[in-house]
């Protein structure tokens, strides 16, 4: 915000930083407004769509929006991203996440598989795949995907570890779940669902 005040003619990419900061501090409505502005200014900037979908999903998970509305907005945004030139692995992953929260598990898995095919060395994609497989009751496959995520390096600061920890929780392997969940929360202390998952581990 200070950078934008200092430079009123700031480049469009300042908005991705601001939107991400709002999202990761739980200010989802402000993140959504910021990222919509970014897409209006630069409609081909694919990472803006992923961050916007993520903000909608977190808004829905934290019950800060009318039932179903955020999911509908997330789905529309995710599908819009895939109409652009050369969509990214992230775009397929976030669409898979929307399907997951709509409990359309087969469609969710299909999108996660497409994402992994595009970027087979990205830890966060295997973590997302593990989350879907856990929800489908395919525990062993989920654990295999979680283990692969832990073997790989990620561009993000351990952002994928929430899903990895959840896969271990679903499998009843609570001791192995604790470390990735704690590490995730050391970076992102405002993400409520991961606190709740860690509470399951402790209990």
N, C-alpha and C. Protein backbone atom coordinates (compact mmCIF):
# COMPACT_ATOMS: atom_id res chain seq x y z
N UNK A 1 0.83 -1.21 0.00
CA UNK A 1 0.00 0.00 0.00
C UNK A 1 0.87 1.27 0.00
N UNK A 2 1.95 1.21 0.75
CA UNK A 2 2.84 2.37 0.79
C UNK A 2 3.51 2.59 -0.55
N UNK A 3 3.94 1.51 -1.19
CA UNK A 3 4.56 1.62 -2.51
C UNK A 3 3.59 2.25 -3.50
N UNK A 4 2.33 1.91 -3.40
CA UNK A 4 1.34 2.45 -4.32
C UNK A 4 1.07 3.92 -4.04
N UNK A 5 1.16 4.31 -2.77
CA UNK A 5 1.01 5.74 -2.45
C UNK A 5 2.20 6.54 -2.96
N UNK A 6 3.39 5.95 -2.87
CA UNK A 6 4.59 6.64 -3.31
C UNK A 6 4.65 6.76 -4.83
N UNK A 7 4.04 5.80 -5.51
CA UNK A 7 4.07 5.80 -6.97
C UNK A 7 2.64 5.63 -7.49
N UNK A 8 1.88 6.73 -7.60
CA UNK A 8 0.48 6.62 -8.05
C UNK A 8 0.32 6.02 -9.44
N UNK A 9 1.40 6.02 -10.22
CA UNK A 9 1.36 5.39 -11.54
C UNK A 9 1.97 4.00 -11.50
N UNK A 10 1.78 3.34 -10.39
CA UNK A 10 2.39 2.02 -10.19
C UNK A 10 2.02 1.05 -11.32
N UNK A 11 2.95 0.14 -11.65
CA UNK A 11 2.64 -0.88 -12.67
C UNK A 11 1.58 -1.85 -12.16
N UNK A 12 0.92 -2.53 -13.07
CA UNK A 12 -0.20 -3.39 -12.70
C UNK A 12 0.20 -4.49 -11.74
N UNK A 13 1.46 -4.95 -11.81
CA UNK A 13 1.83 -6.09 -10.99
C UNK A 13 1.92 -5.76 -9.50
N UNK A 14 1.91 -4.48 -9.13
CA UNK A 14 1.81 -4.15 -7.71
C UNK A 14 0.54 -4.77 -7.12
N UNK A 15 -0.50 -4.85 -7.94
CA UNK A 15 -1.79 -5.33 -7.45
C UNK A 15 -1.76 -6.82 -7.10
N UNK A 16 -0.92 -7.61 -7.77
CA UNK A 16 -0.84 -9.03 -7.42
C UNK A 16 -0.22 -9.18 -6.04
N UNK A 17 0.76 -8.32 -5.72
CA UNK A 17 1.38 -8.38 -4.40
C UNK A 17 0.38 -7.96 -3.33
N UNK A 18 -0.38 -6.90 -3.59
CA UNK A 18 -1.35 -6.42 -2.62
C UNK A 18 -2.48 -7.45 -2.44
N UNK A 19 -2.96 -7.99 -3.55
CA UNK A 19 -4.02 -8.99 -3.46
C UNK A 19 -3.58 -10.21 -2.68
N UNK A 20 -2.35 -10.66 -2.92
CA UNK A 20 -1.83 -11.83 -2.21
C UNK A 20 -1.68 -11.53 -0.72
N UNK A 21 -1.22 -10.33 -0.40
CA UNK A 21 -1.08 -9.95 1.01
C UNK A 21 -2.43 -9.93 1.71
N UNK A 22 -3.44 -9.37 1.05
CA UNK A 22 -4.78 -9.39 1.63
C UNK A 22 -5.27 -10.83 1.84
N UNK A 23 -5.04 -11.65 0.82
CA UNK A 23 -5.52 -13.04 0.90
C UNK A 23 -4.87 -13.78 2.06
N UNK A 24 -3.56 -13.64 2.20
CA UNK A 24 -2.86 -14.42 3.22
C UNK A 24 -3.02 -13.86 4.62
N UNK A 25 -3.63 -12.69 4.75
CA UNK A 25 -3.93 -12.16 6.08
C UNK A 25 -5.43 -12.24 6.38
N UNK A 26 -6.17 -12.98 5.55
CA UNK A 26 -7.57 -13.24 5.82
C UNK A 26 -8.51 -12.13 5.41
N UNK A 27 -8.04 -11.15 4.66
CA UNK A 27 -8.89 -10.04 4.22
C UNK A 27 -9.36 -10.35 2.79
N UNK A 28 -10.25 -11.32 2.68
CA UNK A 28 -10.59 -11.90 1.39
C UNK A 28 -11.38 -10.95 0.51
N UNK A 29 -12.30 -10.17 1.08
CA UNK A 29 -13.07 -9.24 0.26
C UNK A 29 -12.16 -8.20 -0.39
N UNK A 30 -11.17 -7.72 0.37
CA UNK A 30 -10.22 -6.75 -0.19
C UNK A 30 -9.33 -7.39 -1.24
N UNK A 31 -8.96 -8.64 -1.00
CA UNK A 31 -8.16 -9.37 -2.00
C UNK A 31 -8.94 -9.50 -3.30
N UNK A 32 -10.21 -9.85 -3.20
CA UNK A 32 -11.04 -10.04 -4.40
C UNK A 32 -11.18 -8.73 -5.17
N UNK A 33 -11.44 -7.65 -4.47
CA UNK A 33 -11.57 -6.35 -5.13
C UNK A 33 -10.28 -5.97 -5.85
N UNK A 34 -9.15 -6.17 -5.17
CA UNK A 34 -7.84 -5.82 -5.74
C UNK A 34 -7.54 -6.66 -6.97
N UNK A 35 -7.79 -7.95 -6.89
CA UNK A 35 -7.46 -8.84 -8.00
C UNK A 35 -8.39 -8.65 -9.19
N UNK A 36 -9.64 -8.30 -8.92
CA UNK A 36 -10.54 -7.95 -10.03
C UNK A 36 -10.03 -6.71 -10.77
N UNK A 37 -9.54 -5.74 -10.01
CA UNK A 37 -8.97 -4.55 -10.64
C UNK A 37 -7.77 -4.91 -11.50
N UNK A 38 -6.94 -5.82 -10.98
CA UNK A 38 -5.77 -6.26 -11.74
C UNK A 38 -6.19 -6.92 -13.05
N UNK A 39 -7.19 -7.79 -13.00
CA UNK A 39 -7.64 -8.47 -14.22
C UNK A 39 -8.24 -7.48 -15.21
N UNK A 40 -8.92 -6.46 -14.71
CA UNK A 40 -9.45 -5.42 -15.60
C UNK A 40 -8.33 -4.69 -16.31
N UNK A 41 -7.22 -4.46 -15.59
CA UNK A 41 -6.09 -3.73 -16.16
C UNK A 41 -5.24 -4.62 -17.05
N UNK A 42 -5.14 -5.89 -16.68
CA UNK A 42 -4.26 -6.80 -17.44
C UNK A 42 -4.94 -8.17 -17.55
N UNK A 43 -5.90 -8.31 -18.46
CA UNK A 43 -6.72 -9.53 -18.52
C UNK A 43 -5.97 -10.79 -18.93
N UNK A 44 -4.74 -10.68 -19.39
CA UNK A 44 -3.98 -11.87 -19.78
C UNK A 44 -3.02 -12.33 -18.69
N UNK A 45 -3.05 -11.69 -17.53
CA UNK A 45 -2.11 -12.02 -16.44
C UNK A 45 -2.67 -13.22 -15.67
N UNK A 46 -2.20 -14.41 -16.03
CA UNK A 46 -2.82 -15.65 -15.58
C UNK A 46 -2.75 -15.84 -14.07
N UNK A 47 -1.68 -15.41 -13.43
CA UNK A 47 -1.56 -15.62 -11.98
C UNK A 47 -2.61 -14.83 -11.20
N UNK A 48 -3.12 -13.76 -11.79
CA UNK A 48 -4.17 -13.01 -11.12
C UNK A 48 -5.42 -13.86 -10.95
N UNK A 49 -5.73 -14.68 -11.95
CA UNK A 49 -6.91 -15.53 -11.88
C UNK A 49 -6.77 -16.57 -10.76
N UNK A 50 -5.58 -17.17 -10.65
CA UNK A 50 -5.37 -18.17 -9.61
C UNK A 50 -5.54 -17.57 -8.22
N UNK A 51 -4.96 -16.39 -8.03
CA UNK A 51 -5.08 -15.74 -6.73
C UNK A 51 -6.52 -15.33 -6.44
N UNK A 52 -7.24 -14.93 -7.47
CA UNK A 52 -8.65 -14.56 -7.27
C UNK A 52 -9.48 -15.79 -6.91
N UNK A 53 -9.27 -16.89 -7.60
CA UNK A 53 -9.98 -18.12 -7.26
C UNK A 53 -9.64 -18.55 -5.83
N UNK A 54 -8.36 -18.49 -5.48
CA UNK A 54 -7.95 -18.84 -4.12
C UNK A 54 -8.62 -17.98 -3.07
N UNK A 55 -8.77 -16.70 -3.36
CA UNK A 55 -9.44 -15.78 -2.42
C UNK A 55 -10.91 -16.13 -2.26
N UNK A 56 -11.56 -16.45 -3.38
CA UNK A 56 -12.97 -16.87 -3.30
C UNK A 56 -13.11 -18.15 -2.46
N UNK A 57 -12.21 -19.11 -2.68
CA UNK A 57 -12.31 -20.37 -1.95
C UNK A 57 -12.09 -20.17 -0.46
N UNK A 58 -11.12 -19.35 -0.10
CA UNK A 58 -10.88 -19.08 1.31
C UNK A 58 -12.02 -18.29 1.94
N UNK A 59 -12.61 -17.40 1.17
CA UNK A 59 -13.78 -16.66 1.65
C UNK A 59 -14.93 -17.62 1.93
N UNK A 60 -15.10 -18.59 1.04
CA UNK A 60 -16.16 -19.58 1.23
C UNK A 60 -15.87 -20.47 2.43
N UNK A 61 -14.61 -20.95 2.54
CA UNK A 61 -14.25 -21.84 3.64
C UNK A 61 -14.39 -21.17 4.99
N UNK A 62 -14.14 -19.88 5.03
CA UNK A 62 -14.24 -19.15 6.31
C UNK A 62 -15.64 -18.59 6.54
N UNK A 63 -16.58 -18.93 5.65
CA UNK A 63 -17.99 -18.55 5.77
C UNK A 63 -18.17 -17.03 5.80
N UNK A 64 -17.40 -16.34 4.97
CA UNK A 64 -17.49 -14.89 4.87
C UNK A 64 -18.29 -14.44 3.64
N UNK A 65 -19.00 -15.39 3.02
CA UNK A 65 -19.82 -15.04 1.86
C UNK A 65 -21.11 -15.84 1.90
N UNK A 66 -22.17 -15.38 1.23
CA UNK A 66 -23.41 -16.16 1.19
C UNK A 66 -23.15 -17.56 0.63
N UNK A 67 -23.88 -18.52 1.13
CA UNK A 67 -23.66 -19.92 0.76
C UNK A 67 -23.67 -20.10 -0.76
N UNK A 68 -22.60 -20.69 -1.27
CA UNK A 68 -22.52 -21.00 -2.69
C UNK A 68 -22.05 -19.87 -3.59
N UNK A 69 -22.22 -18.63 -3.16
CA UNK A 69 -21.89 -17.51 -4.05
C UNK A 69 -20.41 -17.48 -4.40
N UNK A 70 -19.55 -17.61 -3.40
CA UNK A 70 -18.11 -17.56 -3.64
C UNK A 70 -17.66 -18.72 -4.54
N UNK A 71 -18.27 -19.89 -4.35
CA UNK A 71 -17.91 -21.03 -5.20
C UNK A 71 -18.30 -20.79 -6.65
N UNK A 72 -19.45 -20.19 -6.87
CA UNK A 72 -19.88 -19.87 -8.23
C UNK A 72 -18.92 -18.87 -8.88
N UNK A 73 -18.53 -17.85 -8.12
CA UNK A 73 -17.57 -16.86 -8.63
C UNK A 73 -16.23 -17.52 -8.91
N UNK A 74 -15.81 -18.41 -8.03
CA UNK A 74 -14.53 -19.11 -8.22
C UNK A 74 -14.55 -19.95 -9.47
N UNK A 75 -15.65 -20.67 -9.70
CA UNK A 75 -15.76 -21.51 -10.89
C UNK A 75 -15.69 -20.67 -12.16
N UNK A 76 -16.43 -19.57 -12.20
CA UNK A 76 -16.42 -18.71 -13.37
C UNK A 76 -15.04 -18.16 -13.67
N UNK A 77 -14.33 -17.75 -12.61
CA UNK A 77 -12.98 -17.20 -12.78
C UNK A 77 -12.01 -18.27 -13.27
N UNK A 78 -12.08 -19.46 -12.68
CA UNK A 78 -11.19 -20.55 -13.07
C UNK A 78 -11.41 -20.95 -14.52
N UNK A 79 -12.65 -21.03 -14.93
CA UNK A 79 -12.95 -21.39 -16.32
C UNK A 79 -12.52 -20.28 -17.29
N UNK A 80 -12.66 -19.04 -16.86
CA UNK A 80 -12.22 -17.92 -17.70
C UNK A 80 -10.72 -17.99 -17.97
N UNK A 81 -9.95 -18.34 -16.94
CA UNK A 81 -8.49 -18.43 -17.10
C UNK A 81 -8.11 -19.45 -18.16
N UNK A 82 -8.86 -20.54 -18.24
CA UNK A 82 -8.53 -21.60 -19.19
C UNK A 82 -8.88 -21.25 -20.62
N UNK A 83 -9.61 -20.16 -20.82
CA UNK A 83 -9.90 -19.71 -22.19
C UNK A 83 -8.78 -18.85 -22.75
N UNK A 84 -7.83 -18.44 -21.89
CA UNK A 84 -6.74 -17.58 -22.33
C UNK A 84 -5.64 -18.41 -22.97
N UNK A 85 -4.73 -17.74 -23.62
CA UNK A 85 -3.65 -18.43 -24.31
C UNK A 85 -2.67 -19.06 -23.32
N UNK A 86 -2.31 -20.31 -23.59
CA UNK A 86 -1.30 -21.04 -22.81
C UNK A 86 -1.59 -21.01 -21.31
N UNK A 87 -2.71 -21.60 -20.87
CA UNK A 87 -2.98 -21.63 -19.43
C UNK A 87 -1.88 -22.38 -18.68
N UNK A 88 -1.73 -22.02 -17.42
CA UNK A 88 -0.67 -22.56 -16.58
C UNK A 88 -1.17 -23.78 -15.80
N UNK A 89 -0.22 -24.55 -15.28
CA UNK A 89 -0.59 -25.68 -14.42
C UNK A 89 -1.43 -25.21 -13.24
N UNK A 90 -1.12 -24.01 -12.71
CA UNK A 90 -1.88 -23.44 -11.61
C UNK A 90 -3.36 -23.31 -11.98
N UNK A 91 -3.64 -22.92 -13.22
CA UNK A 91 -5.03 -22.70 -13.63
C UNK A 91 -5.85 -23.99 -13.54
N UNK A 92 -5.24 -25.10 -13.93
CA UNK A 92 -5.93 -26.38 -13.82
C UNK A 92 -6.08 -26.79 -12.35
N UNK A 93 -5.06 -26.51 -11.56
CA UNK A 93 -5.13 -26.87 -10.14
C UNK A 93 -6.25 -26.14 -9.43
N UNK A 94 -6.38 -24.83 -9.68
CA UNK A 94 -7.42 -24.09 -8.97
C UNK A 94 -8.81 -24.50 -9.43
N UNK A 95 -8.96 -24.85 -10.71
CA UNK A 95 -10.24 -25.37 -11.17
C UNK A 95 -10.55 -26.68 -10.45
N UNK A 96 -9.53 -27.52 -10.31
CA UNK A 96 -9.71 -28.77 -9.56
C UNK A 96 -10.13 -28.51 -8.12
N UNK A 97 -9.58 -27.46 -7.52
CA UNK A 97 -9.95 -27.11 -6.14
C UNK A 97 -11.41 -26.70 -6.04
N UNK A 98 -11.88 -25.97 -7.03
CA UNK A 98 -13.31 -25.57 -7.03
C UNK A 98 -14.18 -26.82 -7.12
N UNK A 99 -13.84 -27.72 -8.05
CA UNK A 99 -14.61 -28.96 -8.16
C UNK A 99 -14.58 -29.74 -6.84
N UNK A 100 -13.43 -29.72 -6.18
CA UNK A 100 -13.31 -30.43 -4.91
C UNK A 100 -14.30 -29.90 -3.89
N UNK A 101 -14.38 -28.58 -3.75
CA UNK A 101 -15.29 -27.99 -2.77
C UNK A 101 -16.75 -28.15 -3.18
N UNK A 102 -16.99 -28.39 -4.46
CA UNK A 102 -18.34 -28.70 -4.91
C UNK A 102 -18.65 -30.20 -4.80
N UNK A 103 -17.67 -30.95 -4.30
CA UNK A 103 -17.78 -32.40 -4.11
C UNK A 103 -17.94 -33.14 -5.43
N UNK A 104 -17.38 -32.58 -6.47
CA UNK A 104 -17.33 -33.25 -7.78
C UNK A 104 -15.93 -33.84 -7.92
N UNK A 105 -15.72 -34.96 -7.24
CA UNK A 105 -14.37 -35.47 -7.02
C UNK A 105 -13.69 -35.97 -8.29
N UNK A 106 -14.42 -36.64 -9.15
CA UNK A 106 -13.79 -37.14 -10.38
C UNK A 106 -13.29 -35.99 -11.25
N UNK A 107 -14.13 -34.94 -11.37
CA UNK A 107 -13.71 -33.77 -12.16
C UNK A 107 -12.51 -33.09 -11.50
N UNK A 108 -12.52 -33.05 -10.17
CA UNK A 108 -11.40 -32.44 -9.44
C UNK A 108 -10.11 -33.20 -9.72
N UNK A 109 -10.17 -34.51 -9.66
CA UNK A 109 -8.98 -35.32 -9.90
C UNK A 109 -8.48 -35.16 -11.33
N UNK A 110 -9.41 -35.10 -12.29
CA UNK A 110 -9.02 -34.91 -13.69
C UNK A 110 -8.21 -33.64 -13.88
N UNK A 111 -8.67 -32.54 -13.24
CA UNK A 111 -7.95 -31.27 -13.37
C UNK A 111 -6.60 -31.32 -12.68
N UNK A 112 -6.53 -31.98 -11.53
CA UNK A 112 -5.25 -32.10 -10.82
C UNK A 112 -4.25 -32.92 -11.65
N UNK A 113 -4.75 -33.96 -12.29
CA UNK A 113 -3.87 -34.78 -13.14
C UNK A 113 -3.34 -33.96 -14.32
N UNK A 114 -4.19 -33.12 -14.89
CA UNK A 114 -3.72 -32.25 -15.98
C UNK A 114 -2.62 -31.32 -15.48
N UNK A 115 -2.80 -30.78 -14.30
CA UNK A 115 -1.81 -29.87 -13.74
C UNK A 115 -0.48 -30.58 -13.53
N UNK A 116 -0.52 -31.78 -12.96
CA UNK A 116 0.70 -32.54 -12.71
C UNK A 116 1.40 -32.89 -14.02
N UNK A 117 0.63 -33.21 -15.05
CA UNK A 117 1.21 -33.52 -16.36
C UNK A 117 1.99 -32.32 -16.92
N UNK A 118 1.45 -31.11 -16.70
CA UNK A 118 2.11 -29.90 -17.19
C UNK A 118 3.37 -29.56 -16.39
N UNK A 119 3.37 -29.87 -15.11
CA UNK A 119 4.51 -29.49 -14.25
C UNK A 119 4.79 -30.63 -13.26
N UNK A 120 5.41 -31.70 -13.74
CA UNK A 120 5.57 -32.90 -12.91
C UNK A 120 6.58 -32.78 -11.76
N UNK A 121 7.25 -31.64 -11.64
CA UNK A 121 8.23 -31.48 -10.56
C UNK A 121 7.81 -30.45 -9.53
N UNK A 122 6.53 -30.09 -9.52
CA UNK A 122 6.04 -29.07 -8.58
C UNK A 122 5.37 -29.73 -7.38
N UNK A 123 5.92 -29.45 -6.21
CA UNK A 123 5.43 -30.07 -4.98
C UNK A 123 3.97 -29.74 -4.70
N UNK A 124 3.59 -28.48 -4.92
CA UNK A 124 2.24 -28.07 -4.54
C UNK A 124 1.16 -28.79 -5.36
N UNK A 125 1.49 -29.22 -6.58
CA UNK A 125 0.51 -29.93 -7.40
C UNK A 125 0.26 -31.33 -6.85
N UNK A 126 1.32 -31.99 -6.39
CA UNK A 126 1.13 -33.30 -5.78
C UNK A 126 0.37 -33.18 -4.47
N UNK A 127 0.61 -32.09 -3.73
CA UNK A 127 -0.14 -31.87 -2.49
C UNK A 127 -1.62 -31.68 -2.78
N UNK A 128 -1.93 -30.90 -3.82
CA UNK A 128 -3.33 -30.70 -4.20
C UNK A 128 -3.97 -32.01 -4.64
N UNK A 129 -3.22 -32.81 -5.37
CA UNK A 129 -3.70 -34.13 -5.80
C UNK A 129 -3.96 -35.02 -4.59
N UNK A 130 -3.07 -34.95 -3.60
CA UNK A 130 -3.25 -35.73 -2.37
C UNK A 130 -4.53 -35.35 -1.65
N UNK A 131 -4.84 -34.05 -1.64
CA UNK A 131 -6.06 -33.59 -0.97
C UNK A 131 -7.30 -34.18 -1.63
N UNK A 132 -7.33 -34.17 -2.96
CA UNK A 132 -8.48 -34.73 -3.67
C UNK A 132 -8.59 -36.23 -3.41
N UNK A 133 -7.49 -36.93 -3.51
CA UNK A 133 -7.50 -38.38 -3.29
C UNK A 133 -7.95 -38.73 -1.88
N UNK A 134 -7.56 -37.92 -0.90
CA UNK A 134 -8.01 -38.14 0.48
C UNK A 134 -9.53 -38.04 0.57
N UNK A 135 -10.08 -37.03 -0.09
CA UNK A 135 -11.54 -36.83 -0.06
C UNK A 135 -12.27 -37.95 -0.78
N UNK A 136 -11.60 -38.60 -1.71
CA UNK A 136 -12.21 -39.71 -2.45
C UNK A 136 -12.08 -41.03 -1.70
N UNK A 137 -11.37 -41.02 -0.57
CA UNK A 137 -11.16 -42.25 0.18
C UNK A 137 -10.03 -43.11 -0.34
N UNK A 138 -9.25 -42.58 -1.27
CA UNK A 138 -8.11 -43.33 -1.83
C UNK A 138 -6.87 -42.99 -1.02
N UNK A 139 -6.84 -43.52 0.20
CA UNK A 139 -5.85 -43.11 1.18
C UNK A 139 -4.43 -43.42 0.76
N UNK A 140 -4.19 -44.62 0.26
CA UNK A 140 -2.83 -44.99 -0.11
C UNK A 140 -2.31 -44.12 -1.25
N UNK A 141 -3.16 -43.86 -2.24
CA UNK A 141 -2.76 -42.99 -3.35
C UNK A 141 -2.50 -41.57 -2.84
N UNK A 142 -3.31 -41.12 -1.89
CA UNK A 142 -3.11 -39.78 -1.31
C UNK A 142 -1.78 -39.70 -0.58
N UNK A 143 -1.45 -40.73 0.18
CA UNK A 143 -0.18 -40.74 0.91
C UNK A 143 1.01 -40.75 -0.05
N UNK A 144 0.87 -41.49 -1.15
CA UNK A 144 1.94 -41.52 -2.16
C UNK A 144 2.14 -40.13 -2.77
N UNK A 145 1.04 -39.44 -3.08
CA UNK A 145 1.14 -38.09 -3.63
C UNK A 145 1.72 -37.12 -2.60
N UNK A 146 1.33 -37.26 -1.33
CA UNK A 146 1.87 -36.40 -0.27
C UNK A 146 3.37 -36.63 -0.10
N UNK A 147 3.79 -37.88 -0.15
CA UNK A 147 5.22 -38.18 -0.03
C UNK A 147 6.00 -37.59 -1.19
N UNK A 148 5.42 -37.64 -2.39
CA UNK A 148 6.07 -37.05 -3.56
C UNK A 148 6.20 -35.54 -3.37
N UNK A 149 5.18 -34.90 -2.83
CA UNK A 149 5.24 -33.46 -2.57
C UNK A 149 6.38 -33.13 -1.62
N UNK A 150 6.56 -33.94 -0.60
CA UNK A 150 7.64 -33.69 0.37
C UNK A 150 9.02 -33.89 -0.24
N UNK A 151 9.12 -34.76 -1.24
CA UNK A 151 10.41 -35.00 -1.89
C UNK A 151 10.81 -33.85 -2.82
N UNK A 152 9.83 -33.12 -3.31
CA UNK A 152 10.10 -32.06 -4.28
C UNK A 152 10.21 -30.70 -3.60
N UNK A 153 10.79 -29.75 -4.30
CA UNK A 153 10.87 -28.38 -3.80
C UNK A 153 9.75 -27.57 -4.43
N UNK A 154 9.30 -26.55 -3.70
CA UNK A 154 8.23 -25.70 -4.20
C UNK A 154 8.69 -24.27 -4.29
N UNK A 155 8.10 -23.52 -5.22
CA UNK A 155 8.41 -22.09 -5.33
C UNK A 155 7.89 -21.32 -4.12
N UNK A 156 6.76 -21.75 -3.58
CA UNK A 156 6.16 -21.07 -2.43
C UNK A 156 6.85 -21.47 -1.14
N UNK A 157 6.64 -20.66 -0.11
CA UNK A 157 7.24 -20.93 1.20
C UNK A 157 6.38 -21.94 1.95
N UNK A 158 6.46 -23.19 1.56
CA UNK A 158 5.77 -24.28 2.25
C UNK A 158 4.25 -24.17 2.19
N UNK A 159 3.73 -23.45 1.22
CA UNK A 159 2.28 -23.26 1.15
C UNK A 159 1.54 -24.59 0.92
N UNK A 160 2.20 -25.55 0.31
CA UNK A 160 1.57 -26.82 -0.01
C UNK A 160 1.46 -27.75 1.19
N UNK A 161 2.11 -27.43 2.31
CA UNK A 161 2.19 -28.37 3.42
C UNK A 161 0.87 -28.57 4.15
N UNK A 162 -0.06 -27.62 4.02
CA UNK A 162 -1.37 -27.81 4.63
C UNK A 162 -2.07 -29.04 4.06
N UNK A 163 -2.03 -29.17 2.73
CA UNK A 163 -2.66 -30.32 2.07
C UNK A 163 -1.92 -31.61 2.38
N UNK A 164 -0.59 -31.54 2.47
CA UNK A 164 0.19 -32.73 2.81
C UNK A 164 -0.19 -33.23 4.20
N UNK A 165 -0.24 -32.29 5.15
CA UNK A 165 -0.61 -32.68 6.51
C UNK A 165 -2.00 -33.27 6.58
N UNK A 166 -2.92 -32.71 5.82
CA UNK A 166 -4.29 -33.20 5.81
C UNK A 166 -4.36 -34.64 5.30
N UNK A 167 -3.56 -34.96 4.29
CA UNK A 167 -3.55 -36.33 3.76
C UNK A 167 -3.13 -37.32 4.84
N UNK A 168 -2.14 -36.95 5.65
CA UNK A 168 -1.70 -37.83 6.74
C UNK A 168 -2.77 -37.94 7.82
N UNK A 169 -3.48 -36.85 8.08
CA UNK A 169 -4.56 -36.88 9.08
C UNK A 169 -5.66 -37.85 8.64
N UNK A 170 -6.08 -37.74 7.38
CA UNK A 170 -7.15 -38.60 6.86
C UNK A 170 -6.74 -40.07 6.96
N UNK A 171 -5.45 -40.33 6.77
CA UNK A 171 -4.96 -41.71 6.84
C UNK A 171 -4.75 -42.18 8.28
N UNK A 172 -4.97 -41.29 9.25
CA UNK A 172 -4.78 -41.66 10.66
C UNK A 172 -3.33 -41.66 11.10
N UNK A 173 -2.45 -41.06 10.30
CA UNK A 173 -1.02 -41.02 10.63
C UNK A 173 -0.70 -39.65 11.22
N UNK A 174 -1.17 -39.46 12.46
CA UNK A 174 -1.18 -38.14 13.07
C UNK A 174 0.21 -37.61 13.38
N UNK A 175 1.11 -38.48 13.80
CA UNK A 175 2.46 -38.01 14.12
C UNK A 175 3.15 -37.43 12.89
N UNK A 176 2.95 -38.07 11.74
CA UNK A 176 3.54 -37.57 10.51
C UNK A 176 2.85 -36.31 10.00
N UNK A 177 1.60 -36.12 10.40
CA UNK A 177 0.85 -34.93 9.98
C UNK A 177 1.31 -33.68 10.72
N UNK A 178 1.77 -33.85 11.94
CA UNK A 178 2.02 -32.69 12.80
C UNK A 178 3.08 -31.75 12.24
N UNK A 179 4.23 -32.26 11.81
CA UNK A 179 5.33 -31.40 11.36
C UNK A 179 4.95 -30.55 10.15
N UNK A 180 4.37 -31.12 9.08
CA UNK A 180 4.02 -30.25 7.94
C UNK A 180 2.97 -29.21 8.29
N UNK A 181 2.01 -29.56 9.15
CA UNK A 181 0.98 -28.59 9.53
C UNK A 181 1.59 -27.45 10.35
N UNK A 182 2.47 -27.80 11.28
CA UNK A 182 3.13 -26.76 12.09
C UNK A 182 3.99 -25.86 11.22
N UNK A 183 4.70 -26.46 10.28
CA UNK A 183 5.56 -25.67 9.40
C UNK A 183 4.74 -24.72 8.54
N UNK A 184 3.59 -25.21 8.04
CA UNK A 184 2.69 -24.35 7.26
C UNK A 184 2.26 -23.15 8.10
N UNK A 185 1.82 -23.41 9.32
CA UNK A 185 1.30 -22.33 10.17
C UNK A 185 2.39 -21.37 10.62
N UNK A 186 3.64 -21.80 10.62
CA UNK A 186 4.72 -20.86 10.96
C UNK A 186 4.86 -19.78 9.90
N UNK A 187 4.44 -20.09 8.66
CA UNK A 187 4.46 -19.10 7.58
C UNK A 187 3.12 -18.40 7.42
N UNK A 188 2.03 -19.15 7.64
CA UNK A 188 0.68 -18.63 7.37
C UNK A 188 -0.22 -18.82 8.59
N UNK A 189 0.00 -18.02 9.62
CA UNK A 189 -0.71 -18.26 10.89
C UNK A 189 -2.19 -17.90 10.87
N UNK A 190 -2.68 -17.28 9.80
CA UNK A 190 -4.07 -16.83 9.77
C UNK A 190 -5.01 -17.77 9.01
N UNK A 191 -4.52 -18.94 8.62
CA UNK A 191 -5.36 -19.85 7.83
C UNK A 191 -6.09 -20.81 8.79
N UNK A 192 -7.34 -20.48 9.06
CA UNK A 192 -8.13 -21.18 10.07
C UNK A 192 -8.25 -22.68 9.83
N UNK A 193 -8.57 -23.16 8.61
CA UNK A 193 -8.76 -24.61 8.44
C UNK A 193 -7.55 -25.45 8.85
N UNK A 194 -6.35 -24.90 8.67
CA UNK A 194 -5.15 -25.67 9.04
C UNK A 194 -5.01 -25.73 10.56
N UNK A 195 -5.38 -24.65 11.26
CA UNK A 195 -5.42 -24.71 12.72
C UNK A 195 -6.38 -25.80 13.19
N UNK A 196 -7.54 -25.89 12.54
CA UNK A 196 -8.52 -26.89 12.93
C UNK A 196 -8.01 -28.30 12.66
N UNK A 197 -7.30 -28.47 11.54
CA UNK A 197 -6.74 -29.79 11.23
C UNK A 197 -5.67 -30.16 12.25
N UNK A 198 -4.85 -29.20 12.65
CA UNK A 198 -3.84 -29.47 13.68
C UNK A 198 -4.50 -29.80 15.01
N UNK A 199 -5.63 -29.17 15.31
CA UNK A 199 -6.36 -29.50 16.53
C UNK A 199 -6.80 -30.96 16.52
N UNK A 200 -7.19 -31.47 15.35
CA UNK A 200 -7.53 -32.89 15.21
C UNK A 200 -6.33 -33.75 15.54
N UNK A 201 -5.17 -33.34 15.04
CA UNK A 201 -3.94 -34.10 15.30
C UNK A 201 -3.66 -34.17 16.81
N UNK A 202 -3.74 -33.03 17.48
CA UNK A 202 -3.46 -33.01 18.91
C UNK A 202 -4.48 -33.83 19.70
N UNK A 203 -5.74 -33.75 19.27
CA UNK A 203 -6.76 -34.49 20.01
C UNK A 203 -6.61 -36.02 19.84
